[in-house]
């Protein structure tokens, strides 16, 4: 297949591009390489896929020196004209949209960045798929869409009516926009609600990175809600396996769907939504203890109240993923944390 993956300088996009290339697919990667976090890490990921920083220019196609089937273009999804031209020229079999302005707390300070990237950018992706015959659009949603919903584990047909951050609201918006395009234009779309993804090359604004750096350097870590939180930490390899299976599982209209009892996870249109999570939520203090064991030293803890936009717990029900894809994530936390800390020590010396 020829597949467009957006966000390939990002954490999940980087891993997905590598996996698809190793499976002998042809991949075009996009990323705007913004400065939300350290661009050196983003260029480091690109270098792992054979894309050298010195060759990267906005709008210019760069061929990988490592994978013959890989090309990369620095491009912003809000640049609708260039994106449309690329989709028209390449005629992709599938598009995987992982590019987004990420982060819950950052959305409190920079709301327009989320509307630009996650709403306007996603609309440009949808329009490109509509006009250029893309066979399947897979896109990243988030566990944050569940918001104030306390009915756990979270199921895809649960309410997502009460998000608590603009980031979550934009991800909910992506699901609604995708359904419109599936319904009106017959574009097969699949949304993936990721649950707290971690692993080597992970985002430095997330707790595994922040905590590990602080523990190794003897700095205090910020423990929000006094440690009373649960997270469904999901290892990156488990996420990628799920995404790859979804790419090949093109949705069709659900013949059992009824407008009288509308299931939000499917539709009479070719539309689906899936959770991808470890389905074994971990107490934040247990996660910190796993990091302490892997680092070989105890953390200095600074206990703080819950932050605006955070939720108390995330917990994925992956019954639908297991039923439709024959797959259930399962990396043990201790092993995943060990691999992450080992990478962190090597990368940051």
Protein backbone atom coordinates (compact mmCIF):
# COMPACT_ATOMS: atom_id res chain seq x y z
CA UNK A 1 0.00 0.00 0.00
CA UNK A 2 0.94 3.64 -0.38
CA UNK A 3 0.20 5.36 2.93
CA UNK A 4 0.37 8.97 4.08
CA UNK A 5 1.27 9.29 7.77
CA UNK A 6 1.05 12.75 9.31
CA UNK A 7 3.07 13.54 12.41
CA UNK A 8 6.08 11.34 11.56
CA UNK A 9 8.49 13.51 13.59
CA UNK A 10 6.17 12.84 16.55
CA UNK A 11 6.22 9.90 18.92
CA UNK A 12 3.52 7.59 17.52
CA UNK A 13 3.95 8.71 13.90
CA UNK A 14 7.67 7.93 14.00
CA UNK A 15 7.06 4.37 15.20
CA UNK A 16 4.22 3.80 12.76
CA UNK A 17 6.27 4.95 9.77
CA UNK A 18 9.09 2.56 10.77
CA UNK A 19 6.70 -0.36 11.17
CA UNK A 20 4.94 0.25 7.84
CA UNK A 21 8.27 0.56 6.04
CA UNK A 22 9.53 -2.66 7.62
CA UNK A 23 6.31 -4.28 6.36
CA UNK A 24 7.28 -3.10 2.81
CA UNK A 25 4.65 -0.41 2.40
CA UNK A 26 5.43 2.87 0.67
CA UNK A 27 5.16 5.77 3.13
CA UNK A 28 5.07 9.54 2.77
CA UNK A 29 5.52 11.28 6.11
CA UNK A 30 4.43 14.81 7.01
CA UNK A 31 5.23 16.98 10.02
CA UNK A 32 5.47 20.71 10.66
CA UNK A 33 8.18 20.13 13.33
CA UNK A 34 6.78 22.83 15.59
CA UNK A 35 8.48 23.94 18.79
CA UNK A 36 5.85 22.67 21.26
CA UNK A 37 8.68 20.57 22.67
CA UNK A 38 12.39 20.14 21.87
CA UNK A 39 12.78 19.89 18.09
CA UNK A 40 16.08 18.06 18.59
CA UNK A 41 14.10 15.02 19.71
CA UNK A 42 11.88 15.32 16.62
CA UNK A 43 14.87 15.52 14.31
CA UNK A 44 16.41 12.60 16.21
CA UNK A 45 13.37 10.48 15.36
CA UNK A 46 13.56 11.55 11.72
CA UNK A 47 17.25 10.63 11.65
CA UNK A 48 16.34 7.12 12.82
CA UNK A 49 14.25 6.78 9.65
CA UNK A 50 16.99 8.11 7.38
CA UNK A 51 15.87 11.75 7.13
CA UNK A 52 18.68 14.21 7.86
CA UNK A 53 17.87 17.58 9.42
CA UNK A 54 20.10 19.42 6.95
CA UNK A 55 17.92 18.23 4.05
CA UNK A 56 14.61 19.36 5.55
CA UNK A 57 12.99 22.47 4.09
CA UNK A 58 9.36 23.52 4.18
CA UNK A 59 7.41 21.95 1.32
CA UNK A 60 10.41 20.03 -0.02
CA UNK A 61 10.31 16.24 -0.41
CA UNK A 62 13.24 14.42 1.21
CA UNK A 63 14.06 10.79 0.42
CA UNK A 64 15.17 8.52 3.23
CA UNK A 65 18.74 7.29 3.20
CA UNK A 66 17.67 4.19 5.12
CA UNK A 67 14.28 3.12 3.71
CA UNK A 68 13.85 3.20 -0.11
CA UNK A 69 10.08 3.44 0.30
CA UNK A 70 10.08 6.50 2.56
CA UNK A 71 9.76 10.18 1.67
CA UNK A 72 9.27 13.04 4.14
CA UNK A 73 7.82 16.53 3.64
CA UNK A 74 7.86 19.30 6.22
CA UNK A 75 4.32 20.62 5.93
CA UNK A 76 1.64 22.12 8.16
CA UNK A 77 -1.86 20.64 7.88
CA UNK A 78 -3.28 24.15 7.86
CA UNK A 79 -1.56 24.63 4.49
CA UNK A 80 -4.58 23.25 2.66
CA UNK A 81 -3.37 24.06 -0.84
CA UNK A 82 -0.09 22.14 -0.55
CA UNK A 83 -1.75 19.26 1.28
CA UNK A 84 -4.43 18.95 -1.40
CA UNK A 85 -1.79 19.00 -4.14
CA UNK A 86 0.15 16.21 -2.39
CA UNK A 87 -2.94 14.03 -1.99
CA UNK A 88 -3.92 14.63 -5.60
CA UNK A 89 -0.46 13.76 -6.89
CA UNK A 90 0.15 10.64 -4.80
CA UNK A 91 -3.30 8.99 -4.68
CA UNK A 92 -2.83 7.24 -1.34
CA UNK A 93 -4.51 3.95 -0.44
CA UNK A 94 -4.76 5.09 3.18
CA UNK A 95 -4.11 8.17 5.28
CA UNK A 96 -3.19 7.96 8.99
CA UNK A 97 -3.57 11.35 10.65
CA UNK A 98 -1.48 11.49 13.82
CA UNK A 99 -0.43 15.14 13.53
CA UNK A 100 -2.08 17.31 16.17
CA UNK A 101 -1.36 19.91 18.77
CA UNK A 102 -1.00 17.67 21.80
CA UNK A 103 -1.10 18.30 25.53
CA UNK A 104 -3.92 19.03 27.95
CA UNK A 105 -2.35 21.74 30.11
CA UNK A 106 -0.88 23.64 27.14
CA UNK A 107 -4.39 24.03 25.76
CA UNK A 108 -5.28 26.26 28.72
CA UNK A 109 -2.69 28.81 27.60
CA UNK A 110 -2.69 28.43 23.82
CA UNK A 111 -6.23 27.51 22.74
CA UNK A 112 -5.92 28.83 19.18
CA UNK A 113 -3.08 26.41 18.42
CA UNK A 114 -5.53 23.54 19.02
CA UNK A 115 -8.25 24.94 16.79
CA UNK A 116 -5.75 25.63 14.00
CA UNK A 117 -4.05 22.23 14.05
CA UNK A 118 -6.74 19.88 15.31
CA UNK A 119 -9.83 21.40 13.67
CA UNK A 120 -8.69 23.38 10.61
CA UNK A 121 -5.87 20.94 9.87
CA UNK A 122 -8.15 17.93 10.22
CA UNK A 123 -10.73 19.53 7.95
CA UNK A 124 -8.04 19.87 5.28
CA UNK A 125 -7.23 16.17 5.67
CA UNK A 126 -10.90 15.25 5.30
CA UNK A 127 -11.29 17.44 2.23
CA UNK A 128 -8.20 15.90 0.66
CA UNK A 129 -9.51 12.39 1.29
CA UNK A 130 -12.86 13.39 -0.17
CA UNK A 131 -11.49 14.79 -3.40
CA UNK A 132 -8.71 12.29 -4.08
CA UNK A 133 -10.20 8.85 -3.48
CA UNK A 134 -8.42 7.79 -0.29
CA UNK A 135 -9.52 4.28 0.62
CA UNK A 136 -9.34 4.59 4.42
CA UNK A 137 -8.72 7.47 6.82
CA UNK A 138 -7.42 6.42 10.24
CA UNK A 139 -7.00 9.24 12.76
CA UNK A 140 -5.88 9.74 16.34
CA UNK A 141 -8.52 10.57 18.87
CA UNK A 142 -7.78 10.39 22.60
CA UNK A 143 -8.95 8.86 25.87
CA UNK A 144 -9.35 12.46 27.06
CA UNK A 145 -12.69 12.65 25.19
CA UNK A 146 -14.33 10.73 28.06
CA UNK A 147 -13.87 13.79 30.29
CA UNK A 148 -16.11 13.77 33.36
CA UNK A 149 -17.48 10.29 32.58
CA UNK A 150 -16.82 8.14 35.67
CA UNK A 151 -18.28 4.90 34.28
CA UNK A 152 -15.19 2.73 33.95
CA UNK A 153 -13.83 0.97 32.07
CA UNK A 154 -14.54 3.43 29.27
CA UNK A 155 -16.44 1.90 26.36
CA UNK A 156 -16.63 3.39 22.88
CA UNK A 157 -20.40 3.78 23.19
CA UNK A 158 -20.05 5.65 26.52
CA UNK A 159 -20.91 9.33 26.74
CA UNK A 160 -18.24 11.83 25.67
CA UNK A 161 -20.53 14.80 26.23
CA UNK A 162 -18.44 16.49 28.95
CA UNK A 163 -14.78 17.07 27.96
CA UNK A 164 -12.69 19.05 30.47
CA UNK A 165 -9.99 20.49 28.17
CA UNK A 166 -10.00 22.15 24.78
CA UNK A 167 -7.65 19.42 23.58
CA UNK A 168 -10.30 16.83 24.42
CA UNK A 169 -13.00 18.94 22.78
CA UNK A 170 -11.02 19.11 19.53
CA UNK A 171 -10.56 15.34 19.53
CA UNK A 172 -14.27 14.85 20.07
CA UNK A 173 -14.75 17.31 17.21
CA UNK A 174 -12.54 15.15 14.98
CA UNK A 175 -14.78 12.15 15.58
CA UNK A 176 -17.89 14.17 14.72
CA UNK A 177 -16.29 15.66 11.60
CA UNK A 178 -15.14 12.23 10.43
CA UNK A 179 -18.66 10.87 10.77
CA UNK A 180 -20.05 13.68 8.63
CA UNK A 181 -17.60 12.85 5.83
CA UNK A 182 -18.26 9.11 6.14
CA UNK A 183 -22.01 9.77 5.97
CA UNK A 184 -22.04 12.36 3.18
CA UNK A 185 -19.21 11.13 0.98
CA UNK A 186 -18.77 7.46 1.89
CA UNK A 187 -15.19 7.88 3.12
CA UNK A 188 -14.27 4.97 5.42
CA UNK A 189 -12.95 6.49 8.65
CA UNK A 190 -11.67 4.94 11.88
CA UNK A 191 -10.94 6.96 15.02
CA UNK A 192 -8.53 5.60 17.64
CA UNK A 193 -8.79 6.68 21.26
CA UNK A 194 -5.24 6.24 22.58
CA UNK A 195 -4.65 5.76 26.31
CA UNK A 196 -1.49 7.32 27.89
CA UNK A 197 1.13 6.13 25.41
CA UNK A 198 4.70 5.74 26.69
CA UNK A 199 7.98 4.19 25.62
CA UNK A 200 11.39 5.04 24.10
CA UNK A 201 11.41 8.28 22.05
CA UNK A 202 8.30 9.40 23.94
CA UNK A 203 7.12 12.97 24.38
CA UNK A 204 9.19 14.96 26.90
CA UNK A 205 6.12 16.81 28.21
CA UNK A 206 4.60 13.59 29.59
CA UNK A 207 5.10 12.11 33.05
CA UNK A 208 7.42 9.17 32.16
CA UNK A 209 9.94 11.60 30.63
CA UNK A 210 9.53 14.30 33.27
CA UNK A 211 9.71 11.88 36.18
CA UNK A 212 12.69 9.90 34.86
CA UNK A 213 14.77 13.00 34.21
CA UNK A 214 14.01 14.38 37.66
CA UNK A 215 14.69 11.09 39.46
CA UNK A 216 18.05 10.58 37.72
CA UNK A 217 19.10 14.18 38.42
CA UNK A 218 17.83 14.29 41.99
CA UNK A 219 15.20 16.95 41.31
CA UNK A 220 11.69 16.78 42.84
CA UNK A 221 8.85 15.39 40.73
CA UNK A 222 5.42 17.03 40.74
CA UNK A 223 2.81 14.52 41.89
CA UNK A 224 -0.63 15.92 41.11
CA UNK A 225 -3.77 15.17 43.12
CA UNK A 226 -1.35 13.97 45.81
CA UNK A 227 -0.75 10.80 43.78
CA UNK A 228 -4.39 9.73 43.81
CA UNK A 229 -4.84 9.10 40.07
CA UNK A 230 -5.01 6.09 37.78
CA UNK A 231 -3.71 5.90 34.23
CA UNK A 232 -4.03 3.18 31.59
CA UNK A 233 -0.36 3.32 30.54
CA UNK A 234 -0.01 1.73 27.09
CA UNK A 235 3.36 0.80 25.62
CA UNK A 236 4.16 2.19 22.17
CA UNK A 237 4.59 -1.22 20.50
CA UNK A 238 1.08 -2.20 21.60
CA UNK A 239 -0.32 1.01 20.13
CA UNK A 240 1.44 0.47 16.79
CA UNK A 241 0.25 -3.12 16.46
CA UNK A 242 -3.30 -1.93 16.98
CA UNK A 243 -2.96 0.90 14.43
CA UNK A 244 -1.50 -1.39 11.77
CA UNK A 245 -4.34 -3.87 12.16
CA UNK A 246 -6.88 -1.06 11.95
CA UNK A 247 -5.36 0.29 8.71
CA UNK A 248 -6.07 -3.04 7.04
CA UNK A 249 -9.56 -3.31 8.53
CA UNK A 250 -11.56 -0.90 6.39
CA UNK A 251 -14.95 -0.18 8.02
CA UNK A 252 -18.22 -0.81 6.23
CA UNK A 253 -21.70 0.39 7.18
CA UNK A 254 -22.92 -1.41 10.29
CA UNK A 255 -26.04 -3.35 9.30
CA UNK A 256 -27.12 -3.67 12.94
CA UNK A 257 -26.96 0.08 13.63
CA UNK A 258 -30.32 1.65 14.52
CA UNK A 259 -31.13 5.36 14.54
CA UNK A 260 -33.65 4.71 17.33
CA UNK A 261 -30.76 3.60 19.59
CA UNK A 262 -27.71 5.22 17.94
CA UNK A 263 -24.43 3.61 18.93
CA UNK A 264 -21.75 6.34 18.73
CA UNK A 265 -18.98 3.80 18.08
CA UNK A 266 -20.35 2.75 14.67
CA UNK A 267 -22.88 3.95 12.10
CA UNK A 268 -24.93 3.20 9.03
CA UNK A 269 -21.97 4.97 7.37
CA UNK A 270 -18.48 3.36 7.03
CA UNK A 271 -17.36 4.72 10.40
CA UNK A 272 -15.82 3.19 13.53
CA UNK A 273 -14.20 4.28 16.79
CA UNK A 274 -11.92 2.05 18.89
CA UNK A 275 -10.12 2.31 22.22
CA UNK A 276 -6.48 1.26 22.20
CA UNK A 277 -5.26 0.88 25.76
CA UNK A 278 -3.62 -1.64 28.06
CA UNK A 279 -6.95 -2.04 29.93
CA UNK A 280 -5.03 -2.37 33.23
CA UNK A 281 -5.02 1.04 34.90
CA UNK A 282 -2.10 1.72 37.25
CA UNK A 283 -2.08 3.95 40.30
CA UNK A 284 0.23 6.90 39.76
CA UNK A 285 2.26 6.03 42.87
CA UNK A 286 2.78 2.47 41.57
CA UNK A 287 4.01 3.88 38.27
CA UNK A 288 6.45 6.13 40.12
CA UNK A 289 7.71 3.15 42.13
CA UNK A 290 8.31 1.22 38.87
CA UNK A 291 10.35 4.16 37.59
CA UNK A 292 12.29 4.31 40.86
CA UNK A 293 13.21 0.62 40.54
CA UNK A 294 14.29 1.07 36.92
CA UNK A 295 16.31 4.19 37.76
CA UNK A 296 17.85 2.64 40.88
CA UNK A 297 17.00 5.58 43.13
CA UNK A 298 14.07 7.07 45.01
CA UNK A 299 12.17 10.09 43.73
CA UNK A 300 11.91 13.34 45.66
CA UNK A 301 8.17 14.02 45.58
CA UNK A 302 6.33 17.32 45.63
CA UNK A 303 2.62 16.67 46.22
CA UNK A 304 0.24 19.08 44.50
CA UNK A 305 -3.54 19.38 43.92
CA UNK A 306 -5.28 18.24 40.75
CA UNK A 307 -4.49 20.39 37.74
CA UNK A 308 -7.24 22.01 35.63
CA UNK A 309 -8.05 19.85 32.61
CA UNK A 310 -6.83 16.60 34.20
CA UNK A 311 -9.09 13.62 34.87
CA UNK A 312 -8.94 11.27 37.84
CA UNK A 313 -8.58 8.07 35.86
CA UNK A 314 -8.38 6.50 32.41
CA UNK A 315 -9.36 2.88 31.86
CA UNK A 316 -9.92 1.35 28.43
CA UNK A 317 -12.41 -1.34 27.54
CA UNK A 318 -10.83 -2.95 24.44
CA UNK A 319 -13.48 -5.58 23.81
CA UNK A 320 -14.29 -4.16 20.36
CA UNK A 321 -10.63 -4.00 19.34
CA UNK A 322 -10.13 -7.61 20.43
CA UNK A 323 -13.30 -8.76 18.65
CA UNK A 324 -12.69 -6.97 15.35
CA UNK A 325 -8.89 -7.03 15.13
CA UNK A 326 -8.07 -10.16 17.12
CA UNK A 327 -5.71 -8.11 19.25
CA UNK A 328 -5.39 -6.88 22.81
CA UNK A 329 -2.47 -4.77 24.13
CA UNK A 330 -0.57 -6.46 26.94
CA UNK A 331 2.95 -5.15 27.66
CA UNK A 332 3.60 -5.54 31.42
CA UNK A 333 4.25 -2.18 33.06
CA UNK A 334 7.52 -3.23 34.70
CA UNK A 335 9.03 -4.32 31.36
CA UNK A 336 7.77 -1.27 29.48
CA UNK A 337 9.19 1.08 32.12
CA UNK A 338 12.52 -0.77 32.10
CA UNK A 339 12.82 -0.34 28.31
CA UNK A 340 11.93 3.33 28.53
CA UNK A 341 14.46 4.13 31.27
CA UNK A 342 17.17 2.18 29.43
CA UNK A 343 16.52 4.27 26.29
CA UNK A 344 16.39 7.51 28.31
CA UNK A 345 19.79 6.88 29.90
CA UNK A 346 21.33 6.11 26.51
CA UNK A 347 19.76 9.02 24.64
CA UNK A 348 20.49 11.68 27.25
CA UNK A 349 23.83 10.15 28.29
